[in-house]
PDB file of N, CA and C in Angstrom:
ATOM      1  N   MET A   1      26.144  -5.731  90.476  1.00  0.00           N
ATOM      2  CA  MET A   1      27.416  -4.908  91.323  1.00  0.00           C
ATOM      3  C   MET A   1      29.011  -5.586  92.355  1.00  0.00           C
ATOM      4  N   ASP A   2      29.691  -5.224  90.724  1.00  0.00           N
ATOM      5  CA  ASP A   2      31.417  -5.882  90.943  1.00  0.00           C
ATOM      6  C   ASP A   2      31.745  -4.790  92.324  1.00  0.00           C
ATOM      7  N   ILE A   3      32.297  -5.605  93.147  1.00  0.00           N
ATOM      8  CA  ILE A   3      32.821  -5.021  94.264  1.00  0.00           C
ATOM      9  C   ILE A   3      34.558  -5.429  94.160  1.00  0.00           C
ATOM     10  N   SER A   4      34.724  -5.829  93.265  1.00  0.00           N
ATOM     11  CA  SER A   4      35.976  -6.152  93.218  1.00  0.00           C
ATOM     12  C   SER A   4      37.185  -5.339  92.858  1.00  0.00           C
ATOM     13  N   GLY A   5      37.304  -4.412  92.777  1.00  0.00           N
ATOM     14  CA  GLY A   5      38.026  -3.258  92.979  1.00  0.00           C
ATOM     15  C   GLY A   5      37.888  -2.567  93.950  1.00  0.00           C
ATOM     16  N   ALA A   6      36.678  -2.373  94.044  1.00  0.00           N
ATOM     17  CA  ALA A   6      36.670  -1.653  95.776  1.00  0.00           C
ATOM     18  C   ALA A   6      37.097  -1.996  96.622  1.00  0.00           C
ATOM     19  N   ALA A   7      37.731  -0.695  97.630  1.00  0.00           N
ATOM     20  CA  ALA A   7      38.128  -0.406  99.008  1.00  0.00           C
ATOM     21  C   ALA A   7      37.077  -1.550 100.121  1.00  0.00           C
ATOM     22  N   VAL A   8      37.918  -1.794 100.480  1.00  0.00           N
ATOM     23  CA  VAL A   8      37.060  -2.845 101.699  1.00  0.00           C
ATOM     24  C   VAL A   8      36.874  -2.233 103.037  1.00  0.00           C
ATOM     25  N   THR A   9      35.752  -1.813 103.183  1.00  0.00           N
ATOM     26  CA  THR A   9      35.963  -0.969 105.082  1.00  0.00           C
ATOM     27  C   THR A   9      34.722  -1.047 105.064  1.00  0.00           C
ATOM     28  N   ASP A  10      34.417  -1.703 106.969  1.00  0.00           N
ATOM     29  CA  ASP A  10      33.708  -1.651 107.409  1.00  0.00           C
ATOM     30  C   ASP A  10      32.638  -1.044 107.131  1.00  0.00           C
ATOM     31  N   ASP A  11      32.426   0.272 106.470  1.00  0.00           N
ATOM     32  CA  ASP A  11      31.085   1.007 106.171  1.00  0.00           C
ATOM     33  C   ASP A  11      30.814   0.759 104.669  1.00  0.00           C
ATOM     34  N   ASN A  12      31.633   0.025 103.587  1.00  0.00           N
ATOM     35  CA  ASN A  12      31.540  -0.612 103.147  1.00  0.00           C
ATOM     36  C   ASN A  12      30.917  -1.994 102.879  1.00  0.00           C
ATOM     37  N   VAL A  13      31.222  -2.380 103.707  1.00  0.00           N
ATOM     38  CA  VAL A  13      30.396  -4.103 103.703  1.00  0.00           C
ATOM     39  C   VAL A  13      29.209  -3.323 104.438  1.00  0.00           C
ATOM     40  N   LYS A  14      29.281  -3.052 105.551  1.00  0.00           N
ATOM     41  CA  LYS A  14      27.576  -2.359 105.258  1.00  0.00           C
ATOM     42  C   LYS A  14      26.702  -1.806 104.597  1.00  0.00           C
ATOM     43  N   ASP A  15      27.241  -0.685 103.133  1.00  0.00           N
ATOM     44  CA  ASP A  15      26.063  -0.453 102.403  1.00  0.00           C
ATOM     45  C   ASP A  15      25.628  -1.626 101.565  1.00  0.00           C
ATOM     46  N   TYR A  16      26.760  -2.131 101.141  1.00  0.00           N
ATOM     47  CA  TYR A  16      26.894  -3.879 100.122  1.00  0.00           C
ATOM     48  C   TYR A  16      26.228  -4.736 100.958  1.00  0.00           C
ATOM     49  N   ILE A  17      26.140  -4.538 102.294  1.00  0.00           N
ATOM     50  CA  ILE A  17      24.578  -5.960 102.889  1.00  0.00           C
ATOM     51  C   ILE A  17      23.625  -5.015 102.969  1.00  0.00           C
ATOM     52  N   ASN A  18      23.250  -3.932 103.250  1.00  0.00           N
ATOM     53  CA  ASN A  18      22.097  -3.683 103.427  1.00  0.00           C
ATOM     54  C   ASN A  18      21.122  -3.394 101.729  1.00  0.00           C
ATOM     55  N   LEU A  19      22.556  -3.215 100.552  1.00  0.00           N
ATOM     56  CA  LEU A  19      21.920  -2.824  98.981  1.00  0.00           C
ATOM     57  C   LEU A  19      21.643  -4.231  99.239  1.00  0.00           C
ATOM     58  N   VAL A  20      22.179  -5.527  99.372  1.00  0.00           N
ATOM     59  CA  VAL A  20      21.951  -7.294  98.891  1.00  0.00           C
ATOM     60  C   VAL A  20      20.333  -7.084 100.321  1.00  0.00           C
ATOM     61  N   GLU A  21      20.172  -6.742 100.907  1.00  0.00           N
ATOM     62  CA  GLU A  21      19.451  -6.899 102.166  1.00  0.00           C
ATOM     63  C   GLU A  21      17.555  -6.533 100.990  1.00  0.00           C
ATOM     64  N   SER A  22      18.099  -5.520 100.816  1.00  0.00           N
ATOM     65  CA  SER A  22      17.439  -4.193 100.283  1.00  0.00           C
ATOM     66  C   SER A  22      16.844  -4.955  98.797  1.00  0.00           C
ATOM     67  N   ALA A  23      17.681  -5.415  97.663  1.00  0.00           N
ATOM     68  CA  ALA A  23      17.530  -6.005  97.211  1.00  0.00           C
ATOM     69  C   ALA A  23      16.438  -7.274  96.747  1.00  0.00           C
ATOM     70  N   LEU A  24      17.120  -7.679  97.953  1.00  0.00           N
ATOM     71  CA  LEU A  24      16.167 -10.017  98.294  1.00  0.00           C
ATOM     72  C   LEU A  24      14.963  -8.901  98.546  1.00  0.00           C
ATOM     73  N   ALA A  25      14.638  -8.144  99.487  1.00  0.00           N
ATOM     74  CA  ALA A  25      13.286  -7.303 100.167  1.00  0.00           C
ATOM     75  C   ALA A  25      12.691  -7.165  98.763  1.00  0.00           C
ATOM     76  N   SER A  26      13.095  -6.714  97.391  1.00  0.00           N
ATOM     77  CA  SER A  26      12.374  -6.579  96.866  1.00  0.00           C
ATOM     78  C   SER A  26      12.250  -7.725  95.905  1.00  0.00           C
ATOM     79  N   VAL A  27      13.180  -8.549  95.009  1.00  0.00           N
ATOM     80  CA  VAL A  27      12.355  -9.844  94.761  1.00  0.00           C
ATOM     81  C   VAL A  27      11.548 -10.628  95.896  1.00  0.00           C
ATOM     82  N   THR A  28      11.859 -10.606  97.258  1.00  0.00           N
ATOM     83  CA  THR A  28      10.801 -11.738  98.346  1.00  0.00           C
ATOM     84  C   THR A  28       8.951 -10.800  97.632  1.00  0.00           C
ATOM     85  N   ASP A  29       9.373  -9.571  97.739  1.00  0.00           N
ATOM     86  CA  ASP A  29       7.853  -8.461  97.525  1.00  0.00           C
ATOM     87  C   ASP A  29       7.284  -8.936  95.948  1.00  0.00           C
ATOM     88  N   ILE A  30       8.124  -8.784  95.223  1.00  0.00           N
ATOM     89  CA  ILE A  30       7.656  -9.267  93.679  1.00  0.00           C
ATOM     90  C   ILE A  30       7.445 -10.519  93.264  1.00  0.00           C
ATOM     91  N   GLY A  31       7.766 -11.777  94.435  1.00  0.00           N
ATOM     92  CA  GLY A  31       7.450 -12.776  94.349  1.00  0.00           C
ATOM     93  C   GLY A  31       6.461 -12.525  94.976  1.00  0.00           C
ATOM     94  N   THR A  32       5.995 -12.549  95.615  1.00  0.00           N
ATOM     95  CA  THR A  32       4.671 -12.805  96.490  1.00  0.00           C
ATOM     96  C   THR A  32       3.368 -11.899  95.773  1.00  0.00           C
ATOM     97  N   LYS A  33       3.791 -10.593  95.169  1.00  0.00           N
ATOM     98  CA  LYS A  33       2.598 -10.427  94.478  1.00  0.00           C
ATOM     99  C   LYS A  33       2.668 -10.998  93.100  1.00  0.00           C
ATOM    100  N   LEU A  34       3.097 -12.072  92.503  1.00  0.00           N
ATOM    101  CA  LEU A  34       3.664 -12.997  91.841  1.00  0.00           C
ATOM    102  C   LEU A  34       2.535 -14.115  92.053  1.00  0.00           C
ATOM    103  N   GLY A  35       2.445 -14.953  92.676  1.00  0.00           N
ATOM    104  CA  GLY A  35       2.356 -15.406  93.953  1.00  0.00           C
ATOM    105  C   GLY A  35       0.400 -14.918  94.347  1.00  0.00           C
ATOM    106  N   ALA A  36       0.537 -14.079  94.306  1.00  0.00           N
ATOM    107  CA  ALA A  36      -1.453 -13.784  94.712  1.00  0.00           C
ATOM    108  C   ALA A  36      -1.862 -13.926  93.739  1.00  0.00           C
ATOM    109  N   ASN A  37      -1.047 -12.910  92.383  1.00  0.00           N
ATOM    110  CA  ASN A  37      -1.818 -12.879  90.990  1.00  0.00           C
ATOM    111  C   ASN A  37      -1.504 -14.229  90.362  1.00  0.00           C
ATOM    112  N   LYS A  38      -1.359 -15.048  91.106  1.00  0.00           N
ATOM    113  CA  LYS A  38      -1.855 -16.484  90.548  1.00  0.00           C
ATOM    114  C   LYS A  38      -2.210 -17.363  90.587  1.00  0.00           C
ATOM    115  N   THR A  39      -2.522 -16.959  91.966  1.00  0.00           N
ATOM    116  CA  THR A  39      -3.106 -17.578  93.161  1.00  0.00           C
ATOM    117  C   THR A  39      -5.040 -17.199  92.828  1.00  0.00           C
ATOM    118  N   GLN A  40      -5.364 -15.517  92.404  1.00  0.00           N
ATOM    119  CA  GLN A  40      -6.259 -14.999  91.778  1.00  0.00           C
ATOM    120  C   GLN A  40      -6.600 -15.610  90.134  1.00  0.00           C
ATOM    121  N   ILE A  41      -5.127 -15.349  88.965  1.00  0.00           N
ATOM    122  CA  ILE A  41      -5.550 -16.106  88.227  1.00  0.00           C
ATOM    123  C   ILE A  41      -6.637 -17.671  88.538  1.00  0.00           C
ATOM    124  N   ASP A  42      -5.766 -18.557  88.875  1.00  0.00           N
ATOM    125  CA  ASP A  42      -6.725 -20.233  88.931  1.00  0.00           C
ATOM    126  C   ASP A  42      -7.970 -19.604  89.539  1.00  0.00           C
ATOM    127  N   GLY A  43      -8.026 -18.609  90.612  1.00  0.00           N
ATOM    128  CA  GLY A  43      -9.387 -18.805  91.153  1.00  0.00           C
ATOM    129  C   GLY A  43     -10.188 -18.585  89.945  1.00  0.00           C
ATOM    130  N   GLN A  44      -9.854 -17.767  89.284  1.00  0.00           N
ATOM    131  CA  GLN A  44     -11.059 -17.130  87.435  1.00  0.00           C
ATOM    132  C   GLN A  44     -11.335 -18.169  86.809  1.00  0.00           C
ATOM    133  N   LYS A  45      -9.913 -18.994  87.211  1.00  0.00           N
ATOM    134  CA  LYS A  45      -9.647 -20.010  85.056  1.00  0.00           C
ATOM    135  C   LYS A  45     -10.789 -20.858  86.526  1.00  0.00           C
ATOM    136  N   THR A  46     -10.710 -21.243  87.307  1.00  0.00           N
ATOM    137  CA  THR A  46     -11.828 -22.084  87.858  1.00  0.00           C
ATOM    138  C   THR A  46     -13.541 -21.821  88.138  1.00  0.00           C
ATOM    139  N   PHE A  47     -13.218 -20.906  88.129  1.00  0.00           N
ATOM    140  CA  PHE A  47     -14.962 -20.450  87.740  1.00  0.00           C
ATOM    141  C   PHE A  47     -15.396 -20.117  86.569  1.00  0.00           C
ATOM    142  N   VAL A  48     -14.452 -19.957  85.958  1.00  0.00           N
ATOM    143  CA  VAL A  48     -15.005 -19.818  83.755  1.00  0.00           C
ATOM    144  C   VAL A  48     -14.928 -21.120  83.611  1.00  0.00           C
ATOM    145  N   ASP A  49     -14.397 -21.847  84.109  1.00  0.00           N
ATOM    146  CA  ASP A  49     -14.638 -23.433  83.642  1.00  0.00           C
ATOM    147  C   ASP A  49     -16.706 -24.363  84.409  1.00  0.00           C
ATOM    148  N   THR A  50     -15.963 -23.746  85.449  1.00  0.00           N
ATOM    149  CA  THR A  50     -17.194 -23.527  86.229  1.00  0.00           C
ATOM    150  C   THR A  50     -18.634 -23.566  85.372  1.00  0.00           C
ATOM    151  N   LEU A  51     -18.570 -21.434  85.355  1.00  0.00           N
ATOM    152  CA  LEU A  51     -19.820 -21.094  83.706  1.00  0.00           C
ATOM    153  C   LEU A  51     -19.937 -21.968  82.674  1.00  0.00           C
ATOM    154  N   ILE A  52     -18.199 -22.413  82.214  1.00  0.00           N
ATOM    155  CA  ILE A  52     -18.444 -23.061  81.167  1.00  0.00           C
ATOM    156  C   ILE A  52     -19.757 -24.496  81.123  1.00  0.00           C
ATOM    157  N   LYS A  53     -19.256 -25.414  82.337  1.00  0.00           N
ATOM    158  CA  LYS A  53     -19.424 -25.821  82.357  1.00  0.00           C
ATOM    159  C   LYS A  53     -21.698 -26.208  82.543  1.00  0.00           C
ATOM    160  N   ALA A  54     -21.520 -25.429  83.127  1.00  0.00           N
ATOM    161  CA  ALA A  54     -23.212 -24.986  83.795  1.00  0.00           C
ATOM    162  C   ALA A  54     -23.458 -24.090  82.166  1.00  0.00           C
ATOM    163  N   ASN A  55     -23.040 -23.637  81.497  1.00  0.00           N
ATOM    164  CA  ASN A  55     -23.618 -23.197  80.214  1.00  0.00           C
ATOM    165  C   ASN A  55     -23.805 -24.761  79.813  1.00  0.00           C
ATOM    166  N   GLU A  56     -23.246 -25.216  79.009  1.00  0.00           N
ATOM    167  CA  GLU A  56     -23.506 -26.453  78.359  1.00  0.00           C
ATOM    168  C   GLU A  56     -24.264 -27.833  78.882  1.00  0.00           C
ATOM    169  N   ARG A  57     -24.622 -27.459  80.762  1.00  0.00           N
ATOM    170  CA  ARG A  57     -26.032 -28.009  80.922  1.00  0.00           C
ATOM    171  C   ARG A  57     -26.585 -27.640  80.478  1.00  0.00           C
ATOM    172  N   ALA A  58     -27.210 -26.254  80.497  1.00  0.00           N
ATOM    173  CA  ALA A  58     -28.249 -25.284  80.028  1.00  0.00           C
ATOM    174  C   ALA A  58     -28.278 -25.100  78.797  1.00  0.00           C
ATOM    175  N   VAL A  59     -27.838 -25.316  78.362  1.00  0.00           N
ATOM    176  CA  VAL A  59     -28.209 -25.906  76.766  1.00  0.00           C
ATOM    177  C   VAL A  59     -28.416 -26.665  76.503  1.00  0.00           C
ATOM    178  N   GLY A  60     -27.530 -27.823  77.626  1.00  0.00           N
ATOM    179  CA  GLY A  60     -28.425 -28.943  76.847  1.00  0.00           C
ATOM    180  C   GLY A  60     -29.762 -29.141  76.865  1.00  0.00           C
ATOM    181  N   THR A  61     -29.803 -29.107  78.460  1.00  0.00           N
ATOM    182  CA  THR A  61     -31.431 -28.670  79.018  1.00  0.00           C
ATOM    183  C   THR A  61     -32.529 -28.062  77.715  1.00  0.00           C
ATOM    184  N   LEU A  62     -32.134 -27.078  77.308  1.00  0.00           N
ATOM    185  CA  LEU A  62     -32.613 -26.338  76.249  1.00  0.00           C
ATOM    186  C   LEU A  62     -33.121 -27.125  74.911  1.00  0.00           C
ATOM    187  N   VAL A  63     -31.525 -27.265  74.531  1.00  0.00           N
ATOM    188  CA  VAL A  63     -31.979 -29.151  73.317  1.00  0.00           C
ATOM    189  C   VAL A  63     -33.636 -29.340  73.584  1.00  0.00           C
ATOM    190  N   ASP A  64     -33.192 -30.175  75.302  1.00  0.00           N
ATOM    191  CA  ASP A  64     -33.424 -31.347  75.060  1.00  0.00           C
ATOM    192  C   ASP A  64     -35.543 -31.079  75.135  1.00  0.00           C
ATOM    193  N   ALA A  65     -35.842 -29.586  75.423  1.00  0.00           N
ATOM    194  CA  ALA A  65     -36.920 -29.835  76.220  1.00  0.00           C
ATOM    195  C   ALA A  65     -37.952 -28.663  74.624  1.00  0.00           C
ATOM    196  N   ASP A  66     -36.119 -28.426  73.714  1.00  0.00           N
ATOM    197  CA  ASP A  66     -37.157 -27.930  72.024  1.00  0.00           C
ATOM    198  C   ASP A  66     -37.661 -29.629  71.544  1.00  0.00           C
ATOM    199  N   ILE A  67     -36.456 -30.554  71.705  1.00  0.00           N
ATOM    200  CA  ILE A  67     -36.774 -32.104  70.971  1.00  0.00           C
ATOM    201  C   ILE A  67     -38.045 -32.034  71.808  1.00  0.00           C
ATOM    202  N   GLU A  68     -38.408 -31.886  73.360  1.00  0.00           N
ATOM    203  CA  GLU A  68     -39.428 -32.585  73.813  1.00  0.00           C
ATOM    204  C   GLU A  68     -40.842 -31.858  72.792  1.00  0.00           C
ATOM    205  N   GLU A  69     -41.027 -30.527  72.659  1.00  0.00           N
ATOM    206  CA  GLU A  69     -41.875 -29.835  72.412  1.00  0.00           C
ATOM    207  C   GLU A  69     -42.680 -30.589  70.822  1.00  0.00           C
ATOM    208  N   GLU A  70     -41.067 -30.493  70.375  1.00  0.00           N
ATOM    209  CA  GLU A  70     -40.779 -30.463  68.917  1.00  0.00           C
ATOM    210  C   GLU A  70     -41.585 -32.197  68.781  1.00  0.00           C
ATOM    211  N   SER A  71     -41.517 -33.046  69.930  1.00  0.00           N
ATOM    212  CA  SER A  71     -42.048 -34.484  69.701  1.00  0.00           C
ATOM    213  C   SER A  71     -43.036 -34.105  70.028  1.00  0.00           C
ATOM    214  N   THR A  72     -43.780 -32.835  70.988  1.00  0.00           N
ATOM    215  CA  THR A  72     -44.933 -32.951  71.407  1.00  0.00           C
ATOM    216  C   THR A  72     -46.149 -32.930  70.188  1.00  0.00           C
ATOM    217  N   LYS A  73     -45.679 -31.618  69.508  1.00  0.00           N
ATOM    218  CA  LYS A  73     -46.381 -30.916  68.000  1.00  0.00           C
ATOM    219  C   LYS A  73     -46.248 -32.156  66.765  1.00  0.00           C
ATOM    220  N   LEU A  74     -45.227 -32.941  66.988  1.00  0.00           N
ATOM    221  CA  LEU A  74     -45.983 -33.611  65.811  1.00  0.00           C
ATOM    222  C   LEU A  74     -46.931 -34.726  66.035  1.00  0.00           C
ATOM    223  N   LYS A  75     -46.718 -35.104  67.417  1.00  0.00           N
ATOM    224  CA  LYS A  75     -47.674 -36.450  67.665  1.00  0.00           C
ATOM    225  C   LYS A  75     -49.106 -35.864  67.668  1.00  0.00           C
ATOM    226  N   ALA A  76     -49.153 -34.550  68.354  1.00  0.00           N
ATOM    227  CA  ALA A  76     -50.661 -33.716  67.536  1.00  0.00           C
ATOM    228  C   ALA A  76     -50.450 -33.932  66.481  1.00  0.00           C
ATOM    229  N   LEU A  77     -49.786 -33.414  65.063  1.00  0.00           N
ATOM    230  CA  LEU A  77     -49.883 -33.415  63.972  1.00  0.00           C
ATOM    231  C   LEU A  77     -50.488 -34.949  63.435  1.00  0.00           C
ATOM    232  N   GLN A  78     -49.366 -35.841  63.806  1.00  0.00           N
ATOM    233  CA  GLN A  78     -49.791 -37.515  63.405  1.00  0.00           C
ATOM    234  C   GLN A  78     -51.316 -37.545  64.168  1.00  0.00           C
ATOM    235  N   THR A  79     -51.891 -37.474  65.014  1.00  0.00           N
ATOM    236  CA  THR A  79     -52.846 -37.396  65.583  1.00  0.00           C
ATOM    237  C   THR A  79     -53.834 -37.129  64.714  1.00  0.00           C
ATOM    238  N   GLN A  80     -54.150 -35.615  64.612  1.00  0.00           N
ATOM    239  CA  GLN A  80     -54.979 -34.592  63.640  1.00  0.00           C
ATOM    240  C   GLN A  80     -55.339 -35.075  62.587  1.00  0.00           C
ATOM    241  N   GLN A  81     -54.050 -35.513  61.607  1.00  0.00           N
ATOM    242  CA  GLN A  81     -53.834 -36.344  60.217  1.00  0.00           C
ATOM    243  C   GLN A  81     -55.061 -38.116  60.452  1.00  0.00           C
ATOM    244  N   GLN A  82     -54.421 -38.413  61.806  1.00  0.00           N
ATOM    245  CA  GLN A  82     -55.173 -40.054  62.289  1.00  0.00           C
ATOM    246  C   GLN A  82     -56.911 -40.136  62.257  1.00  0.00           C
ATOM    247  N   LEU A  83     -57.279 -38.450  63.169  1.00  0.00           N
ATOM    248  CA  LEU A  83     -58.926 -38.214  63.163  1.00  0.00           C
ATOM    249  C   LEU A  83     -58.806 -37.927  61.256  1.00  0.00           C
ATOM    250  N   ALA A  84     -58.410 -37.059  60.865  1.00  0.00           N
ATOM    251  CA  ALA A  84     -58.915 -36.990  58.908  1.00  0.00           C
ATOM    252  C   ALA A  84     -58.891 -37.842  58.172  1.00  0.00           C
ATOM    253  N   VAL A  85     -58.321 -38.882  57.880  1.00  0.00           N
ATOM    254  CA  VAL A  85     -58.477 -39.949  57.432  1.00  0.00           C
ATOM    255  C   VAL A  85     -59.500 -40.429  58.086  1.00  0.00           C
ATOM    256  N   GLN A  86     -59.848 -40.849  59.056  1.00  0.00           N
ATOM    257  CA  GLN A  86     -60.855 -41.760  59.895  1.00  0.00           C
ATOM    258  C   GLN A  86     -62.356 -40.583  59.364  1.00  0.00           C
ATOM    259  N   SER A  87     -61.998 -39.846  59.840  1.00  0.00           N
ATOM    260  CA  SER A  87     -63.637 -38.824  59.352  1.00  0.00           C
ATOM    261  C   SER A  87     -63.646 -39.038  58.121  1.00  0.00           C
ATOM    262  N   LEU A  88     -62.706 -39.243  56.869  1.00  0.00           N
ATOM    263  CA  LEU A  88     -62.970 -39.072  55.346  1.00  0.00           C
ATOM    264  C   LEU A  88     -63.573 -40.909  55.119  1.00  0.00           C
ATOM    265  N   SER A  89     -62.727 -41.785  55.888  1.00  0.00           N
ATOM    266  CA  SER A  89     -63.856 -43.245  55.760  1.00  0.00           C
ATOM    267  C   SER A  89     -64.914 -43.424  55.925  1.00  0.00           C
ATOM    268  N   ILE A  90     -64.915 -42.545  57.131  1.00  0.00           N
ATOM    269  CA  ILE A  90     -66.606 -42.032  57.675  1.00  0.00           C
ATOM    270  C   ILE A  90     -67.683 -41.351  56.829  1.00  0.00           C
ATOM    271  N   ALA A  91     -66.992 -40.448  56.401  1.00  0.00           N
ATOM    272  CA  ALA A  91     -67.988 -40.311  55.363  1.00  0.00           C
ATOM    273  C   ALA A  91     -67.768 -40.310  53.865  1.00  0.00           C
ATOM    274  N   ASN A  92     -67.361 -41.540  53.188  1.00  0.00           N
ATOM    275  CA  ASN A  92     -67.448 -41.788  52.482  1.00  0.00           C
ATOM    276  C   ASN A  92     -67.929 -43.507  52.504  1.00  0.00           C
ATOM    277  N   THR A  93     -67.712 -44.182  53.616  1.00  0.00           N
ATOM    278  CA  THR A  93     -69.330 -44.926  53.947  1.00  0.00           C
ATOM    279  C   THR A  93     -70.848 -44.386  54.020  1.00  0.00           C
ATOM    280  N   ALA A  94     -70.361 -43.356  54.585  1.00  0.00           N
ATOM    281  CA  ALA A  94     -72.301 -42.652  54.718  1.00  0.00           C
ATOM    282  C   ALA A  94     -72.582 -42.458  53.697  1.00  0.00           C
ATOM    283  N   SER A  95     -71.628 -42.067  52.775  1.00  0.00           N
ATOM    284  CA  SER A  95     -71.916 -41.383  51.041  1.00  0.00           C
ATOM    285  C   SER A  95     -72.339 -43.177  50.528  1.00  0.00           C
ATOM    286  N   GLN A  96     -71.240 -43.791  50.998  1.00  0.00           N
ATOM    287  CA  GLN A  96     -71.868 -45.727  49.847  1.00  0.00           C
ATOM    288  C   GLN A  96     -73.700 -45.925  50.722  1.00  0.00           C
ATOM    289  N   ASN A  97     -73.329 -45.689  51.886  1.00  0.00           N
ATOM    290  CA  ASN A  97     -74.671 -46.314  52.396  1.00  0.00           C
ATOM    291  C   ASN A  97     -75.845 -45.168  52.018  1.00  0.00           C
ATOM    292  N   VAL A  98     -75.764 -44.299  51.791  1.00  0.00           N
ATOM    293  CA  VAL A  98     -76.776 -43.333  51.017  1.00  0.00           C
ATOM    294  C   VAL A  98     -77.105 -43.272  49.873  1.00  0.00           C
ATOM    295  N   LEU A  99     -76.302 -43.434  48.949  1.00  0.00           N
ATOM    296  CA  LEU A  99     -75.957 -44.510  47.565  1.00  0.00           C
ATOM    297  C   LEU A  99     -77.000 -45.552  47.538  1.00  0.00           C
ATOM    298  N   SER A 100     -76.563 -46.733  48.388  1.00  0.00           N
ATOM    299  CA  SER A 100     -77.084 -47.895  47.909  1.00  0.00           C
ATOM    300  C   SER A 100     -78.401 -47.458  48.482  1.00  0.00           C
ATOM    301  N   LEU A 101     -78.876 -46.630  49.390  1.00  0.00           N
ATOM    302  CA  LEU A 101     -80.036 -46.521  49.851  1.00  0.00           C
ATOM    303  C   LEU A 101     -81.548 -46.457  47.842  1.00  0.00           C
ATOM    304  N   PHE A 102     -80.394 -45.531  47.649  1.00  0.00           N
ATOM    305  CA  PHE A 102     -81.403 -45.173  46.103  1.00  0.00           C
ATOM    306  C   PHE A 102     -81.107 -46.607  45.750  1.00  0.00           C
ATOM    307  N   ARG A 103     -80.770 -47.078  45.970  1.00  0.00           N
ATOM    308  CA  ARG A 103     -80.634 -48.204  44.216  1.00  0.00           C
ATOM    309  C   ARG A 103     -81.661 -49.081  44.738  1.00  0.00           C
TER     310      ARG A 103
END
């Protein structure tokens, strides 16, 4: 807005002042909206960060649970293996005892 070549009258000055005040009000309104949007985005970012941390903790808990389950299965299989070896040993000893009776 260039008023350097305009005739300066009371009406013109009032019109220019009203125009400037209207522009300032528009800038203030836009600044308010931008500030509100920034606040909303910051809140959503915080919420997403919290969700990500919660998901990471949940995944960690699931992995720990899977590891514990697999460890329990492994211990059960090792116990079964030990029992099978002991059973075979007892069966071998029993058959040796029977054979020694026939000698």
